[in-house]
Amino acid sequence: SRKECGKRGRKPGRKTSTEKLDIKAKLERSRQSARECRARKKLRYQYLEELVADREKAVVALRAELERLIQWNRQLNENVIPNNNDQLLQDIGILKQE
């Protein structure tokens, strides 16, 4: 039969010195992990911000090219030969560069 009054295991609220060191080490590992996580997050956001900036530049360049082509098309529709005809043909790959 089991003893009714005897409890097994650790007593709550009492920490040995090794347990205190383990808790301190665990807290320090947790802090270090959090620092590393924040650093990774910062790098990830920097990368994404650069990616967005590059895409925005590409959008601006494409809009400028589109506007040039629209102007060229208008001139052709009005039977006007565009001034920079050779450059436009080179840009779209019809005319080889010299």
C-alpha atoms as a PDB file:
ATOM      1  CA  SER A   1       0.000   0.000   0.000  1.00  0.00           C
ATOM      2  CA  ARG A   2       1.085   3.580  -0.640  1.00  0.00           C
ATOM      3  CA  LYS A   3       1.930   6.098   1.994  1.00  0.00           C
ATOM      4  CA  GLU A   4      -0.834   8.658   2.218  1.00  0.00           C
ATOM      5  CA  CYS A   5       1.201  11.521   3.661  1.00  0.00           C
ATOM      6  CA  GLY A   6       4.442  11.259   1.645  1.00  0.00           C
ATOM      7  CA  LYS A   7       4.613  13.262  -1.593  1.00  0.00           C
ATOM      8  CA  ARG A   8       7.027  12.560  -4.382  1.00  0.00           C
ATOM      9  CA  GLY A   9       8.827  14.992  -6.696  1.00  0.00           C
ATOM     10  CA  ARG A  10       9.951  18.562  -6.222  1.00  0.00           C
ATOM     11  CA  LYS A  11       8.452  20.850  -3.711  1.00  0.00           C
ATOM     12  CA  PRO A  12       6.882  23.922  -5.335  1.00  0.00           C
ATOM     13  CA  GLY A  13       8.603  27.261  -4.845  1.00  0.00           C
ATOM     14  CA  ARG A  14      12.008  25.822  -4.023  1.00  0.00           C
ATOM     15  CA  LYS A  15      14.676  26.114  -6.671  1.00  0.00           C
ATOM     16  CA  THR A  16      18.117  24.646  -6.383  1.00  0.00           C
ATOM     17  CA  SER A  17      21.095  26.695  -7.485  1.00  0.00           C
ATOM     18  CA  THR A  18      21.485  24.575 -10.643  1.00  0.00           C
ATOM     19  CA  GLU A  19      17.821  25.137 -11.515  1.00  0.00           C
ATOM     20  CA  LYS A  20      18.317  28.884 -11.093  1.00  0.00           C
ATOM     21  CA  LEU A  21      21.313  28.757 -13.432  1.00  0.00           C
ATOM     22  CA  ASP A  22      19.282  26.713 -15.929  1.00  0.00           C
ATOM     23  CA  ILE A  23      16.507  29.321 -15.858  1.00  0.00           C
ATOM     24  CA  LYS A  24      19.016  32.150 -16.341  1.00  0.00           C
ATOM     25  CA  ALA A  25      20.638  30.307 -19.247  1.00  0.00           C
ATOM     26  CA  LYS A  26      17.224  29.625 -20.775  1.00  0.00           C
ATOM     27  CA  LEU A  27      16.258  33.302 -20.462  1.00  0.00           C
ATOM     28  CA  GLU A  28      19.538  34.374 -22.070  1.00  0.00           C
ATOM     29  CA  ARG A  29      19.030  31.910 -24.943  1.00  0.00           C
ATOM     30  CA  SER A  30      15.517  33.258 -25.381  1.00  0.00           C
ATOM     31  CA  ARG A  31      16.774  36.858 -25.454  1.00  0.00           C
ATOM     32  CA  GLN A  32      19.490  35.953 -27.965  1.00  0.00           C
ATOM     33  CA  SER A  33      16.962  34.151 -30.132  1.00  0.00           C
ATOM     34  CA  ALA A  34      14.683  37.210 -30.038  1.00  0.00           C
ATOM     35  CA  ARG A  35      17.605  39.491 -31.034  1.00  0.00           C
ATOM     36  CA  GLU A  36      18.439  37.214 -33.969  1.00  0.00           C
ATOM     37  CA  CYS A  37      14.785  37.083 -35.001  1.00  0.00           C
ATOM     38  CA  ARG A  38      14.551  40.886 -34.986  1.00  0.00           C
ATOM     39  CA  ALA A  39      17.757  41.148 -37.031  1.00  0.00           C
ATOM     40  CA  ARG A  40      16.419  38.664 -39.614  1.00  0.00           C
ATOM     41  CA  LYS A  41      13.146  40.570 -39.770  1.00  0.00           C
ATOM     42  CA  LYS A  42      14.992  43.860 -40.311  1.00  0.00           C
ATOM     43  CA  LEU A  43      17.032  42.356 -43.161  1.00  0.00           C
ATOM     44  CA  ARG A  44      13.913  40.869 -44.724  1.00  0.00           C
ATOM     45  CA  TYR A  45      12.153  44.263 -44.647  1.00  0.00           C
ATOM     46  CA  GLN A  46      15.216  46.002 -46.121  1.00  0.00           C
ATOM     47  CA  TYR A  47      15.289  43.452 -48.948  1.00  0.00           C
ATOM     48  CA  LEU A  48      11.566  43.920 -49.621  1.00  0.00           C
ATOM     49  CA  GLU A  49      11.887  47.718 -49.577  1.00  0.00           C
ATOM     50  CA  GLU A  50      14.716  47.523 -52.143  1.00  0.00           C
ATOM     51  CA  LEU A  51      12.621  45.173 -54.255  1.00  0.00           C
ATOM     52  CA  VAL A  52       9.665  47.591 -54.157  1.00  0.00           C
ATOM     53  CA  ALA A  53      11.927  50.538 -55.076  1.00  0.00           C
ATOM     54  CA  ASP A  54      13.350  48.596 -58.040  1.00  0.00           C
ATOM     55  CA  ARG A  55       9.859  47.663 -59.224  1.00  0.00           C
ATOM     56  CA  GLU A  56       8.689  51.262 -58.897  1.00  0.00           C
ATOM     57  CA  LYS A  57      11.629  52.412 -61.056  1.00  0.00           C
ATOM     58  CA  ALA A  58      10.720  49.764 -63.624  1.00  0.00           C
ATOM     59  CA  VAL A  59       7.100  50.970 -63.647  1.00  0.00           C
ATOM     60  CA  VAL A  60       8.238  54.571 -64.251  1.00  0.00           C
ATOM     61  CA  ALA A  61      10.508  53.464 -67.122  1.00  0.00           C
ATOM     62  CA  LEU A  62       7.756  51.355 -68.682  1.00  0.00           C
ATOM     63  CA  ARG A  63       5.257  54.212 -68.437  1.00  0.00           C
ATOM     64  CA  ALA A  64       7.736  56.536 -70.171  1.00  0.00           C
ATOM     65  CA  GLU A  65       8.278  53.962 -72.919  1.00  0.00           C
ATOM     66  CA  LEU A  66       4.523  53.490 -73.286  1.00  0.00           C
ATOM     67  CA  GLU A  67       4.032  57.256 -73.602  1.00  0.00           C
ATOM     68  CA  ARG A  68       6.731  57.432 -76.313  1.00  0.00           C
ATOM     69  CA  LEU A  69       5.072  54.621 -78.246  1.00  0.00           C
ATOM     70  CA  ILE A  70       1.633  56.242 -77.903  1.00  0.00           C
ATOM     71  CA  GLN A  71       3.056  59.498 -79.290  1.00  0.00           C
ATOM     72  CA  TRP A  72       4.748  57.598 -82.123  1.00  0.00           C
ATOM     73  CA  ASN A  73       1.481  55.831 -82.927  1.00  0.00           C
ATOM     74  CA  ARG A  74      -0.423  59.151 -82.985  1.00  0.00           C
ATOM     75  CA  GLN A  75       2.105  60.640 -85.364  1.00  0.00           C
ATOM     76  CA  LEU A  76       1.905  57.617 -87.664  1.00  0.00           C
ATOM     77  CA  ASN A  77      -1.901  57.757 -87.613  1.00  0.00           C
ATOM     78  CA  GLU A  78      -1.675  61.412 -88.689  1.00  0.00           C
ATOM     79  CA  ASN A  79       0.686  60.365 -91.521  1.00  0.00           C
ATOM     80  CA  VAL A  80       3.564  62.191 -89.868  1.00  0.00           C
ATOM     81  CA  ILE A  81       6.945  60.486 -89.782  1.00  0.00           C
ATOM     82  CA  PRO A  82       8.303  60.762 -86.215  1.00  0.00           C
ATOM     83  CA  ASN A  83      11.498  62.791 -85.782  1.00  0.00           C
ATOM     84  CA  ASN A  84      13.340  60.073 -83.895  1.00  0.00           C
ATOM     85  CA  ASN A  85      12.140  57.257 -86.127  1.00  0.00           C
ATOM     86  CA  ASP A  86      15.486  55.400 -86.207  1.00  0.00           C
ATOM     87  CA  GLN A  87      15.809  55.534 -82.420  1.00  0.00           C
ATOM     88  CA  LEU A  88      12.301  54.182 -81.933  1.00  0.00           C
ATOM     89  CA  LEU A  89      12.923  51.368 -84.412  1.00  0.00           C
ATOM     90  CA  GLN A  90      16.153  50.497 -82.585  1.00  0.00           C
ATOM     91  CA  ASP A  91      14.344  50.567 -79.231  1.00  0.00           C
ATOM     92  CA  ILE A  92      11.725  48.061 -80.334  1.00  0.00           C
ATOM     93  CA  GLY A  93      14.293  45.867 -82.101  1.00  0.00           C
ATOM     94  CA  ILE A  94      13.276  46.368 -85.719  1.00  0.00           C
ATOM     95  CA  LEU A  95      16.375  48.327 -86.730  1.00  0.00           C
ATOM     96  CA  LYS A  96      19.826  46.985 -85.846  1.00  0.00           C
ATOM     97  CA  GLN A  97      22.219  49.321 -84.079  1.00  0.00           C
ATOM     98  CA  GLU A  98      25.243  50.340 -86.149  1.00  0.00           C
END
